[in-house]
Amino acid sequence: MREIDIDQAAAALEEGAVVIDVREPDEYREGHLPGAINIPMTRLTARLDELDPSRPVHVVCASGNRSSAMTDVLVAAGFDAVNVAGGTAAWVRSGRPTEK
């Protein structure tokens, strides 16, 4: 599984990257990376058809654990997926803005 750090994730977002936040909706509403799409990990496999397999997918959660597992799921399904190491917590610690 490939991982990127918060700086790489920020650069990817600036370039229009697809970011999937696999946390639960209540966690997502508390604050998420700008532009991130909420698809909880329990629903990800059922919603794969919503993702464009020709575009890289950046996967994030709170700390990187759930997103790591879901990155593996996406890669197994044929997606070019990367895990955002440290998750939303690292994003917030870096001083970057979140959306609510």
N, C-alpha and C. Protein backbone atom coordinates (compact mmCIF):
# COMPACT_ATOMS: atom_id res chain seq x y z
N MET A 1 0.84 -1.18 0.00
CA MET A 1 0.00 0.00 0.00
C MET A 1 0.88 1.24 0.00
N ARG A 2 0.50 2.18 -0.84
CA ARG A 2 1.23 3.44 -0.91
C ARG A 2 0.65 4.44 0.08
N GLU A 3 1.53 5.25 0.64
CA GLU A 3 1.11 6.31 1.55
C GLU A 3 1.72 7.62 1.12
N ILE A 4 1.00 8.69 1.42
CA ILE A 4 1.54 10.02 1.22
C ILE A 4 1.40 10.77 2.55
N ASP A 5 2.24 11.78 2.73
CA ASP A 5 2.14 12.56 3.95
C ASP A 5 1.20 13.75 3.73
N ILE A 6 1.01 14.52 4.77
CA ILE A 6 0.07 15.64 4.72
C ILE A 6 0.50 16.69 3.69
N ASP A 7 1.78 16.96 3.58
CA ASP A 7 2.25 17.93 2.59
C ASP A 7 1.93 17.46 1.17
N GLN A 8 2.14 16.19 0.91
CA GLN A 8 1.81 15.63 -0.40
C GLN A 8 0.31 15.65 -0.65
N ALA A 9 -0.47 15.38 0.39
CA ALA A 9 -1.93 15.43 0.26
C ALA A 9 -2.39 16.84 -0.06
N ALA A 10 -1.81 17.84 0.60
CA ALA A 10 -2.17 19.23 0.34
C ALA A 10 -1.86 19.61 -1.11
N ALA A 11 -0.71 19.18 -1.60
CA ALA A 11 -0.34 19.46 -2.99
C ALA A 11 -1.31 18.78 -3.95
N ALA A 12 -1.68 17.54 -3.64
CA ALA A 12 -2.62 16.81 -4.49
C ALA A 12 -3.98 17.50 -4.51
N LEU A 13 -4.42 17.99 -3.36
CA LEU A 13 -5.70 18.71 -3.29
C LEU A 13 -5.67 19.96 -4.16
N GLU A 14 -4.56 20.67 -4.12
CA GLU A 14 -4.43 21.87 -4.95
C GLU A 14 -4.55 21.55 -6.43
N GLU A 15 -4.18 20.33 -6.79
CA GLU A 15 -4.25 19.89 -8.19
C GLU A 15 -5.58 19.22 -8.52
N GLY A 16 -6.52 19.23 -7.57
CA GLY A 16 -7.84 18.68 -7.84
C GLY A 16 -8.01 17.20 -7.56
N ALA A 17 -7.20 16.66 -6.66
CA ALA A 17 -7.26 15.24 -6.35
C ALA A 17 -8.61 14.82 -5.78
N VAL A 18 -8.96 13.57 -6.02
CA VAL A 18 -10.14 12.97 -5.42
C VAL A 18 -9.74 12.48 -4.03
N VAL A 19 -10.45 12.97 -3.00
CA VAL A 19 -10.18 12.55 -1.62
C VAL A 19 -11.44 11.91 -1.06
N ILE A 20 -11.30 10.68 -0.58
CA ILE A 20 -12.40 9.96 0.04
C ILE A 20 -12.13 9.89 1.53
N ASP A 21 -13.07 10.39 2.32
CA ASP A 21 -12.99 10.33 3.77
C ASP A 21 -13.85 9.16 4.21
N VAL A 22 -13.23 8.14 4.80
CA VAL A 22 -13.94 6.90 5.12
C VAL A 22 -14.46 6.87 6.56
N ARG A 23 -14.46 8.02 7.22
CA ARG A 23 -15.00 8.08 8.58
C ARG A 23 -16.53 8.08 8.53
N GLU A 24 -17.12 7.92 9.69
CA GLU A 24 -18.58 7.96 9.80
C GLU A 24 -19.08 9.39 9.59
N PRO A 25 -20.33 9.55 9.14
CA PRO A 25 -20.85 10.89 8.82
C PRO A 25 -20.72 11.91 9.95
N ASP A 26 -20.93 11.49 11.20
CA ASP A 26 -20.80 12.46 12.30
C ASP A 26 -19.37 12.94 12.46
N GLU A 27 -18.39 12.08 12.24
CA GLU A 27 -16.99 12.48 12.30
C GLU A 27 -16.67 13.45 11.15
N TYR A 28 -17.17 13.11 9.98
CA TYR A 28 -16.95 13.94 8.78
C TYR A 28 -17.51 15.34 8.99
N ARG A 29 -18.71 15.43 9.57
CA ARG A 29 -19.35 16.73 9.79
C ARG A 29 -18.56 17.61 10.76
N GLU A 30 -17.80 17.00 11.65
CA GLU A 30 -17.00 17.76 12.61
C GLU A 30 -15.85 18.50 11.94
N GLY A 31 -15.45 18.07 10.77
CA GLY A 31 -14.38 18.72 10.02
C GLY A 31 -13.65 17.73 9.15
N HIS A 32 -13.45 18.11 7.90
CA HIS A 32 -12.79 17.22 6.94
C HIS A 32 -11.91 18.01 5.99
N LEU A 33 -11.06 17.33 5.27
CA LEU A 33 -10.21 17.98 4.28
C LEU A 33 -11.10 18.65 3.25
N PRO A 34 -10.73 19.84 2.81
CA PRO A 34 -11.54 20.55 1.81
C PRO A 34 -11.80 19.70 0.57
N GLY A 35 -13.06 19.59 0.22
CA GLY A 35 -13.44 18.85 -0.98
C GLY A 35 -13.54 17.35 -0.81
N ALA A 36 -13.24 16.83 0.37
CA ALA A 36 -13.30 15.39 0.58
C ALA A 36 -14.74 14.89 0.47
N ILE A 37 -14.88 13.71 -0.11
CA ILE A 37 -16.18 13.06 -0.26
C ILE A 37 -16.31 12.03 0.85
N ASN A 38 -17.42 12.04 1.56
CA ASN A 38 -17.62 11.09 2.64
C ASN A 38 -18.26 9.81 2.13
N ILE A 39 -17.48 8.73 2.19
CA ILE A 39 -17.99 7.39 1.92
C ILE A 39 -17.48 6.53 3.08
N PRO A 40 -18.32 6.31 4.10
CA PRO A 40 -17.88 5.53 5.25
C PRO A 40 -17.34 4.16 4.84
N MET A 41 -16.36 3.70 5.59
CA MET A 41 -15.72 2.43 5.22
C MET A 41 -16.71 1.28 5.12
N THR A 42 -17.77 1.31 5.91
CA THR A 42 -18.76 0.23 5.86
C THR A 42 -19.57 0.24 4.58
N ARG A 43 -19.51 1.32 3.84
CA ARG A 43 -20.28 1.44 2.59
C ARG A 43 -19.42 1.53 1.34
N LEU A 44 -18.11 1.54 1.52
CA LEU A 44 -17.21 1.80 0.39
C LEU A 44 -17.39 0.80 -0.75
N THR A 45 -17.38 -0.48 -0.45
CA THR A 45 -17.46 -1.46 -1.54
C THR A 45 -18.77 -1.37 -2.29
N ALA A 46 -19.84 -0.99 -1.62
CA ALA A 46 -21.14 -0.85 -2.27
C ALA A 46 -21.22 0.41 -3.13
N ARG A 47 -20.28 1.34 -2.94
CA ARG A 47 -20.34 2.62 -3.66
C ARG A 47 -19.16 2.82 -4.61
N LEU A 48 -18.46 1.76 -4.94
CA LEU A 48 -17.31 1.88 -5.84
C LEU A 48 -17.68 2.47 -7.19
N ASP A 49 -18.92 2.24 -7.62
CA ASP A 49 -19.34 2.75 -8.93
C ASP A 49 -19.42 4.28 -8.96
N GLU A 50 -19.34 4.93 -7.80
CA GLU A 50 -19.34 6.39 -7.74
C GLU A 50 -17.95 6.98 -8.00
N LEU A 51 -16.95 6.12 -8.03
CA LEU A 51 -15.57 6.57 -8.21
C LEU A 51 -15.10 6.33 -9.64
N ASP A 52 -14.28 7.22 -10.13
CA ASP A 52 -13.72 7.11 -11.47
C ASP A 52 -12.43 6.29 -11.39
N PRO A 53 -12.42 5.08 -11.94
CA PRO A 53 -11.22 4.24 -11.84
C PRO A 53 -10.02 4.79 -12.61
N SER A 54 -10.23 5.79 -13.44
CA SER A 54 -9.11 6.36 -14.19
C SER A 54 -8.38 7.47 -13.42
N ARG A 55 -8.92 7.85 -12.24
CA ARG A 55 -8.30 8.91 -11.44
C ARG A 55 -7.76 8.34 -10.14
N PRO A 56 -6.60 8.81 -9.71
CA PRO A 56 -6.08 8.39 -8.40
C PRO A 56 -7.04 8.80 -7.29
N VAL A 57 -7.10 7.98 -6.26
CA VAL A 57 -7.97 8.24 -5.11
C VAL A 57 -7.09 8.35 -3.86
N HIS A 58 -7.30 9.42 -3.11
CA HIS A 58 -6.58 9.65 -1.86
C HIS A 58 -7.56 9.34 -0.73
N VAL A 59 -7.17 8.44 0.17
CA VAL A 59 -8.08 7.94 1.20
C VAL A 59 -7.62 8.45 2.57
N VAL A 60 -8.57 9.01 3.32
CA VAL A 60 -8.26 9.60 4.61
C VAL A 60 -9.29 9.19 5.65
N CYS A 61 -8.86 9.12 6.91
CA CYS A 61 -9.77 8.90 8.04
C CYS A 61 -9.28 9.80 9.17
N ALA A 62 -9.47 9.40 10.39
CA ALA A 62 -9.04 10.23 11.52
C ALA A 62 -7.53 10.16 11.73
N SER A 63 -6.99 8.95 11.71
CA SER A 63 -5.57 8.79 12.03
C SER A 63 -4.76 8.04 10.98
N GLY A 64 -5.43 7.39 10.06
CA GLY A 64 -4.73 6.62 9.03
C GLY A 64 -4.97 5.13 9.10
N ASN A 65 -5.61 4.66 10.16
CA ASN A 65 -5.83 3.21 10.29
C ASN A 65 -6.93 2.70 9.36
N ARG A 66 -8.11 3.30 9.45
CA ARG A 66 -9.22 2.87 8.59
C ARG A 66 -8.90 3.13 7.12
N SER A 67 -8.31 4.27 6.86
CA SER A 67 -8.00 4.61 5.47
C SER A 67 -6.96 3.66 4.89
N SER A 68 -6.06 3.17 5.72
CA SER A 68 -5.07 2.20 5.25
C SER A 68 -5.76 0.93 4.77
N ALA A 69 -6.69 0.44 5.57
CA ALA A 69 -7.43 -0.77 5.20
C ALA A 69 -8.26 -0.54 3.94
N MET A 70 -8.89 0.62 3.83
CA MET A 70 -9.73 0.91 2.68
C MET A 70 -8.91 1.19 1.42
N THR A 71 -7.70 1.68 1.60
CA THR A 71 -6.80 1.83 0.45
C THR A 71 -6.51 0.46 -0.14
N ASP A 72 -6.26 -0.52 0.71
CA ASP A 72 -6.02 -1.89 0.23
C ASP A 72 -7.24 -2.42 -0.52
N VAL A 73 -8.44 -2.13 -0.03
CA VAL A 73 -9.67 -2.56 -0.69
C VAL A 73 -9.76 -1.93 -2.08
N LEU A 74 -9.48 -0.65 -2.16
CA LEU A 74 -9.56 0.05 -3.45
C LEU A 74 -8.51 -0.46 -4.43
N VAL A 75 -7.31 -0.69 -3.96
CA VAL A 75 -6.26 -1.22 -4.84
C VAL A 75 -6.67 -2.60 -5.36
N ALA A 76 -7.22 -3.43 -4.49
CA ALA A 76 -7.67 -4.77 -4.91
C ALA A 76 -8.78 -4.69 -5.95
N ALA A 77 -9.55 -3.59 -5.90
CA ALA A 77 -10.65 -3.40 -6.86
C ALA A 77 -10.16 -2.72 -8.15
N GLY A 78 -8.86 -2.47 -8.24
CA GLY A 78 -8.30 -1.92 -9.47
C GLY A 78 -8.09 -0.41 -9.49
N PHE A 79 -8.27 0.25 -8.35
CA PHE A 79 -8.07 1.69 -8.29
C PHE A 79 -6.62 2.03 -7.94
N ASP A 80 -6.18 3.17 -8.40
CA ASP A 80 -4.89 3.73 -8.01
C ASP A 80 -5.16 4.54 -6.75
N ALA A 81 -5.00 3.91 -5.58
CA ALA A 81 -5.36 4.53 -4.31
C ALA A 81 -4.14 4.68 -3.42
N VAL A 82 -4.11 5.79 -2.67
CA VAL A 82 -3.05 6.05 -1.71
C VAL A 82 -3.66 6.45 -0.37
N ASN A 83 -3.01 6.05 0.68
CA ASN A 83 -3.44 6.38 2.03
C ASN A 83 -2.80 7.71 2.46
N VAL A 84 -3.59 8.56 3.10
CA VAL A 84 -3.06 9.80 3.66
C VAL A 84 -2.62 9.49 5.09
N ALA A 85 -1.31 9.36 5.28
CA ALA A 85 -0.76 8.99 6.59
C ALA A 85 -1.07 10.07 7.62
N GLY A 86 -1.48 9.62 8.79
CA GLY A 86 -1.79 10.55 9.87
C GLY A 86 -3.20 11.07 9.87
N GLY A 87 -3.87 10.95 8.73
CA GLY A 87 -5.27 11.30 8.62
C GLY A 87 -5.61 12.74 8.90
N THR A 88 -6.89 12.95 9.20
CA THR A 88 -7.41 14.28 9.46
C THR A 88 -6.75 14.91 10.68
N ALA A 89 -6.40 14.09 11.66
CA ALA A 89 -5.73 14.62 12.86
C ALA A 89 -4.41 15.29 12.49
N ALA A 90 -3.63 14.65 11.63
CA ALA A 90 -2.36 15.24 11.20
C ALA A 90 -2.60 16.48 10.37
N TRP A 91 -3.65 16.47 9.56
CA TRP A 91 -4.02 17.64 8.75
C TRP A 91 -4.29 18.84 9.67
N VAL A 92 -5.10 18.61 10.70
CA VAL A 92 -5.44 19.68 11.64
C VAL A 92 -4.19 20.16 12.39
N ARG A 93 -3.36 19.21 12.85
CA ARG A 93 -2.13 19.57 13.57
C ARG A 93 -1.21 20.42 12.70
N SER A 94 -1.27 20.22 11.39
CA SER A 94 -0.40 20.98 10.49
C SER A 94 -0.88 22.42 10.31
N GLY A 95 -2.08 22.72 10.84
CA GLY A 95 -2.60 24.08 10.74
C GLY A 95 -3.39 24.33 9.47
N ARG A 96 -3.63 23.29 8.70
CA ARG A 96 -4.41 23.47 7.46
C ARG A 96 -5.89 23.54 7.76
N PRO A 97 -6.64 24.23 6.91
CA PRO A 97 -8.07 24.40 7.17
C PRO A 97 -8.88 23.14 6.88
N THR A 98 -10.00 23.05 7.57
CA THR A 98 -10.96 21.98 7.31
C THR A 98 -12.28 22.60 6.91
N GLU A 99 -13.14 21.79 6.33
CA GLU A 99 -14.50 22.20 6.01
C GLU A 99 -15.44 21.50 6.96
N LYS A 100 -16.58 22.14 7.22
CA LYS A 100 -17.62 21.52 8.04
C LYS A 100 -18.92 21.50 7.27
